[in-house]
PDB file of N, CA and C in Angstrom:
ATOM      1  N   MET A   1      11.981 -22.938  84.496  1.00  0.00           N
ATOM      2  CA  MET A   1      11.801 -21.834  83.270  1.00  0.00           C
ATOM      3  C   MET A   1      13.743 -22.223  83.729  1.00  0.00           C
ATOM      4  N   ILE A   2      14.023 -22.669  81.875  1.00  0.00           N
ATOM      5  CA  ILE A   2      15.619 -22.993  82.122  1.00  0.00           C
ATOM      6  C   ILE A   2      16.794 -22.004  81.219  1.00  0.00           C
ATOM      7  N   VAL A   3      17.444 -21.333  82.130  1.00  0.00           N
ATOM      8  CA  VAL A   3      17.940 -20.536  81.000  1.00  0.00           C
ATOM      9  C   VAL A   3      19.270 -20.795  80.909  1.00  0.00           C
ATOM     10  N   ILE A   4      19.726 -21.126  79.641  1.00  0.00           N
ATOM     11  CA  ILE A   4      21.476 -21.044  79.387  1.00  0.00           C
ATOM     12  C   ILE A   4      21.872 -20.337  78.219  1.00  0.00           C
ATOM     13  N   GLN A   5      23.071 -19.529  78.926  1.00  0.00           N
ATOM     14  CA  GLN A   5      24.121 -18.676  77.875  1.00  0.00           C
ATOM     15  C   GLN A   5      24.889 -19.501  77.359  1.00  0.00           C
ATOM     16  N   ALA A   6      25.550 -18.548  76.662  1.00  0.00           N
ATOM     17  CA  ALA A   6      27.101 -18.942  75.882  1.00  0.00           C
ATOM     18  C   ALA A   6      26.813 -18.271  74.753  1.00  0.00           C
ATOM     19  N   LYS A   7      28.895 -18.218  74.730  1.00  0.00           N
ATOM     20  CA  LYS A   7      29.476 -16.985  73.456  1.00  0.00           C
ATOM     21  C   LYS A   7      29.657 -17.782  72.474  1.00  0.00           C
ATOM     22  N   LEU A   8      28.931 -17.174  71.443  1.00  0.00           N
ATOM     23  CA  LEU A   8      29.359 -17.678  70.102  1.00  0.00           C
ATOM     24  C   LEU A   8      30.318 -16.907  69.497  1.00  0.00           C
ATOM     25  N   ILE A   9      30.565 -18.093  68.953  1.00  0.00           N
ATOM     26  CA  ILE A   9      32.093 -17.778  68.391  1.00  0.00           C
ATOM     27  C   ILE A   9      32.232 -18.358  66.210  1.00  0.00           C
ATOM     28  N   PHE A  10      31.945 -17.324  65.929  1.00  0.00           N
ATOM     29  CA  PHE A  10      32.029 -17.402  64.508  1.00  0.00           C
ATOM     30  C   PHE A  10      33.178 -17.093  63.474  1.00  0.00           C
ATOM     31  N   LEU A  11      33.571 -18.107  62.701  1.00  0.00           N
ATOM     32  CA  LEU A  11      34.482 -18.536  61.907  1.00  0.00           C
ATOM     33  C   LEU A  11      35.234 -16.735  60.839  1.00  0.00           C
ATOM     34  N   ASN A  12      33.594 -17.071  60.274  1.00  0.00           N
ATOM     35  CA  ASN A  12      34.124 -15.762  59.846  1.00  0.00           C
ATOM     36  C   ASN A  12      32.495 -14.821  59.869  1.00  0.00           C
ATOM     37  N   GLN A  13      33.074 -13.579  59.248  1.00  0.00           N
ATOM     38  CA  GLN A  13      31.790 -12.626  59.186  1.00  0.00           C
ATOM     39  C   GLN A  13      30.603 -11.420  59.291  1.00  0.00           C
ATOM     40  N   GLN A  14      30.219 -13.479  58.014  1.00  0.00           N
ATOM     41  CA  GLN A  14      29.153 -13.079  57.237  1.00  0.00           C
ATOM     42  C   GLN A  14      28.288 -14.209  58.055  1.00  0.00           C
ATOM     43  N   ASP A  15      28.869 -15.323  59.123  1.00  0.00           N
ATOM     44  CA  ASP A  15      28.152 -16.068  59.650  1.00  0.00           C
ATOM     45  C   ASP A  15      27.214 -15.680  60.085  1.00  0.00           C
ATOM     46  N   LYS A  16      28.290 -14.559  61.191  1.00  0.00           N
ATOM     47  CA  LYS A  16      28.305 -13.521  62.688  1.00  0.00           C
ATOM     48  C   LYS A  16      26.653 -12.427  62.017  1.00  0.00           C
ATOM     49  N   GLN A  17      26.793 -11.614  61.230  1.00  0.00           N
ATOM     50  CA  GLN A  17      26.322 -11.076  60.386  1.00  0.00           C
ATOM     51  C   GLN A  17      24.263 -12.106  60.707  1.00  0.00           C
ATOM     52  N   ILE A  18      24.407 -13.226  59.769  1.00  0.00           N
ATOM     53  CA  ILE A  18      23.456 -13.839  59.790  1.00  0.00           C
ATOM     54  C   ILE A  18      22.686 -13.539  61.276  1.00  0.00           C
ATOM     55  N   VAL A  19      23.095 -14.465  62.269  1.00  0.00           N
ATOM     56  CA  VAL A  19      22.635 -14.532  63.858  1.00  0.00           C
ATOM     57  C   VAL A  19      22.161 -13.413  64.061  1.00  0.00           C
ATOM     58  N   LEU A  20      23.338 -12.325  63.803  1.00  0.00           N
ATOM     59  CA  LEU A  20      22.805 -10.939  64.507  1.00  0.00           C
ATOM     60  C   LEU A  20      21.466 -10.488  63.548  1.00  0.00           C
ATOM     61  N   ASP A  21      21.370 -10.494  62.684  1.00  0.00           N
ATOM     62  CA  ASP A  21      20.168 -10.258  61.706  1.00  0.00           C
ATOM     63  C   ASP A  21      19.360 -10.816  61.993  1.00  0.00           C
ATOM     64  N   LEU A  22      19.457 -12.308  62.236  1.00  0.00           N
ATOM     65  CA  LEU A  22      18.449 -13.638  63.538  1.00  0.00           C
ATOM     66  C   LEU A  22      18.040 -13.197  65.130  1.00  0.00           C
ATOM     67  N   MET A  23      19.071 -13.179  65.524  1.00  0.00           N
ATOM     68  CA  MET A  23      18.295 -12.498  66.903  1.00  0.00           C
ATOM     69  C   MET A  23      18.016 -11.070  67.144  1.00  0.00           C
ATOM     70  N   ARG A  24      17.820  -9.966  65.855  1.00  0.00           N
ATOM     71  CA  ARG A  24      16.947  -8.809  65.583  1.00  0.00           C
ATOM     72  C   ARG A  24      15.999  -9.074  66.054  1.00  0.00           C
ATOM     73  N   ARG A  25      15.489  -9.937  64.634  1.00  0.00           N
ATOM     74  CA  ARG A  25      14.386  -9.667  64.174  1.00  0.00           C
ATOM     75  C   ARG A  25      13.058 -10.498  64.973  1.00  0.00           C
ATOM     76  N   TRP A  26      14.115 -11.241  65.457  1.00  0.00           N
ATOM     77  CA  TRP A  26      13.524 -11.923  67.027  1.00  0.00           C
ATOM     78  C   TRP A  26      12.781 -11.286  68.009  1.00  0.00           C
ATOM     79  N   SER A  27      14.263 -10.695  68.131  1.00  0.00           N
ATOM     80  CA  SER A  27      13.816  -9.288  69.002  1.00  0.00           C
ATOM     81  C   SER A  27      12.875  -8.364  69.181  1.00  0.00           C
ATOM     82  N   SER A  28      12.587  -8.383  67.985  1.00  0.00           N
ATOM     83  CA  SER A  28      12.119  -7.440  66.954  1.00  0.00           C
ATOM     84  C   SER A  28       9.648  -7.837  67.863  1.00  0.00           C
ATOM     85  N   CYS A  29       9.967  -9.228  67.423  1.00  0.00           N
ATOM     86  CA  CYS A  29       8.683  -9.687  66.862  1.00  0.00           C
ATOM     87  C   CYS A  29       8.623  -9.786  68.550  1.00  0.00           C
ATOM     88  N   MET A  30       9.159 -10.141  68.951  1.00  0.00           N
ATOM     89  CA  MET A  30       8.568 -10.760  70.797  1.00  0.00           C
ATOM     90  C   MET A  30       7.762  -9.221  70.901  1.00  0.00           C
ATOM     91  N   ARG A  31       9.274  -8.585  71.283  1.00  0.00           N
ATOM     92  CA  ARG A  31       9.198  -6.629  70.883  1.00  0.00           C
ATOM     93  C   ARG A  31       7.258  -6.172  70.668  1.00  0.00           C
ATOM     94  N   PHE A  32       6.733  -6.441  69.959  1.00  0.00           N
ATOM     95  CA  PHE A  32       5.764  -5.742  69.450  1.00  0.00           C
ATOM     96  C   PHE A  32       4.944  -7.349  69.457  1.00  0.00           C
ATOM     97  N   ALA A  33       4.502  -8.394  69.863  1.00  0.00           N
ATOM     98  CA  ALA A  33       3.572  -8.800  70.026  1.00  0.00           C
ATOM     99  C   ALA A  33       3.382  -8.551  71.877  1.00  0.00           C
ATOM    100  N   TYR A  34       4.064  -8.023  72.271  1.00  0.00           N
ATOM    101  CA  TYR A  34       4.270  -7.905  73.647  1.00  0.00           C
ATOM    102  C   TYR A  34       3.705  -6.480  74.090  1.00  0.00           C
ATOM    103  N   LYS A  35       3.337  -5.612  72.924  1.00  0.00           N
ATOM    104  CA  LYS A  35       3.072  -4.569  73.047  1.00  0.00           C
ATOM    105  C   LYS A  35       1.814  -4.605  72.468  1.00  0.00           C
ATOM    106  N   ARG A  36       1.501  -5.462  71.785  1.00  0.00           N
ATOM    107  CA  ARG A  36      -0.119  -5.877  71.267  1.00  0.00           C
ATOM    108  C   ARG A  36      -0.553  -6.841  73.036  1.00  0.00           C
ATOM    109  N   LEU A  37      -0.538  -7.716  72.597  1.00  0.00           N
ATOM    110  CA  LEU A  37      -0.721  -7.377  74.357  1.00  0.00           C
ATOM    111  C   LEU A  37      -0.910  -6.660  74.687  1.00  0.00           C
ATOM    112  N   LEU A  38      -0.098  -5.705  75.360  1.00  0.00           N
ATOM    113  CA  LEU A  38      -0.160  -4.200  76.819  1.00  0.00           C
ATOM    114  C   LEU A  38      -1.885  -3.783  75.843  1.00  0.00           C
ATOM    115  N   GLU A  39      -1.810  -3.707  74.746  1.00  0.00           N
ATOM    116  CA  GLU A  39      -2.778  -3.229  74.031  1.00  0.00           C
ATOM    117  C   GLU A  39      -4.027  -4.152  74.324  1.00  0.00           C
ATOM    118  N   GLY A  40      -4.555  -4.892  74.758  1.00  0.00           N
ATOM    119  CA  GLY A  40      -5.525  -5.811  74.721  1.00  0.00           C
ATOM    120  C   GLY A  40      -5.619  -6.357  73.404  1.00  0.00           C
ATOM    121  N   TYR A  41      -4.848  -6.912  72.613  1.00  0.00           N
ATOM    122  CA  TYR A  41      -5.502  -7.858  71.246  1.00  0.00           C
ATOM    123  C   TYR A  41      -5.024 -10.192  71.899  1.00  0.00           C
ATOM    124  N   ASP A  42      -5.594  -9.750  71.610  1.00  0.00           N
ATOM    125  CA  ASP A  42      -5.902 -11.805  72.142  1.00  0.00           C
ATOM    126  C   ASP A  42      -4.684 -11.909  71.604  1.00  0.00           C
ATOM    127  N   ARG A  43      -4.116 -13.512  72.651  1.00  0.00           N
ATOM    128  CA  ARG A  43      -3.091 -14.204  72.121  1.00  0.00           C
ATOM    129  C   ARG A  43      -3.217 -14.357  70.704  1.00  0.00           C
ATOM    130  N   LYS A  44      -4.675 -15.410  70.736  1.00  0.00           N
ATOM    131  CA  LYS A  44      -5.062 -16.274  69.344  1.00  0.00           C
ATOM    132  C   LYS A  44      -4.946 -15.530  68.157  1.00  0.00           C
ATOM    133  N   THR A  45      -4.866 -13.934  68.325  1.00  0.00           N
ATOM    134  CA  THR A  45      -5.161 -13.157  66.835  1.00  0.00           C
ATOM    135  C   THR A  45      -2.844 -12.757  67.058  1.00  0.00           C
ATOM    136  N   LEU A  46      -2.577 -12.603  67.894  1.00  0.00           N
ATOM    137  CA  LEU A  46      -1.101 -12.315  67.279  1.00  0.00           C
ATOM    138  C   LEU A  46      -0.601 -13.354  66.923  1.00  0.00           C
ATOM    139  N   LYS A  47      -0.222 -14.522  66.692  1.00  0.00           N
ATOM    140  CA  LYS A  47       0.126 -16.172  66.053  1.00  0.00           C
ATOM    141  C   LYS A  47      -0.156 -15.810  65.526  1.00  0.00           C
TER     142      LYS A  47
END
């Protein structure tokens, strides 16, 4: 596994909000999928 860390610098607040919203949605999707896997759902079903 490759891990990359970076500091994001935004030129304006709107760009920052767009990226934060995208990161929040991604985190929510990953959490939802993980919980469904723990409940016994098939990986293909989650895709």
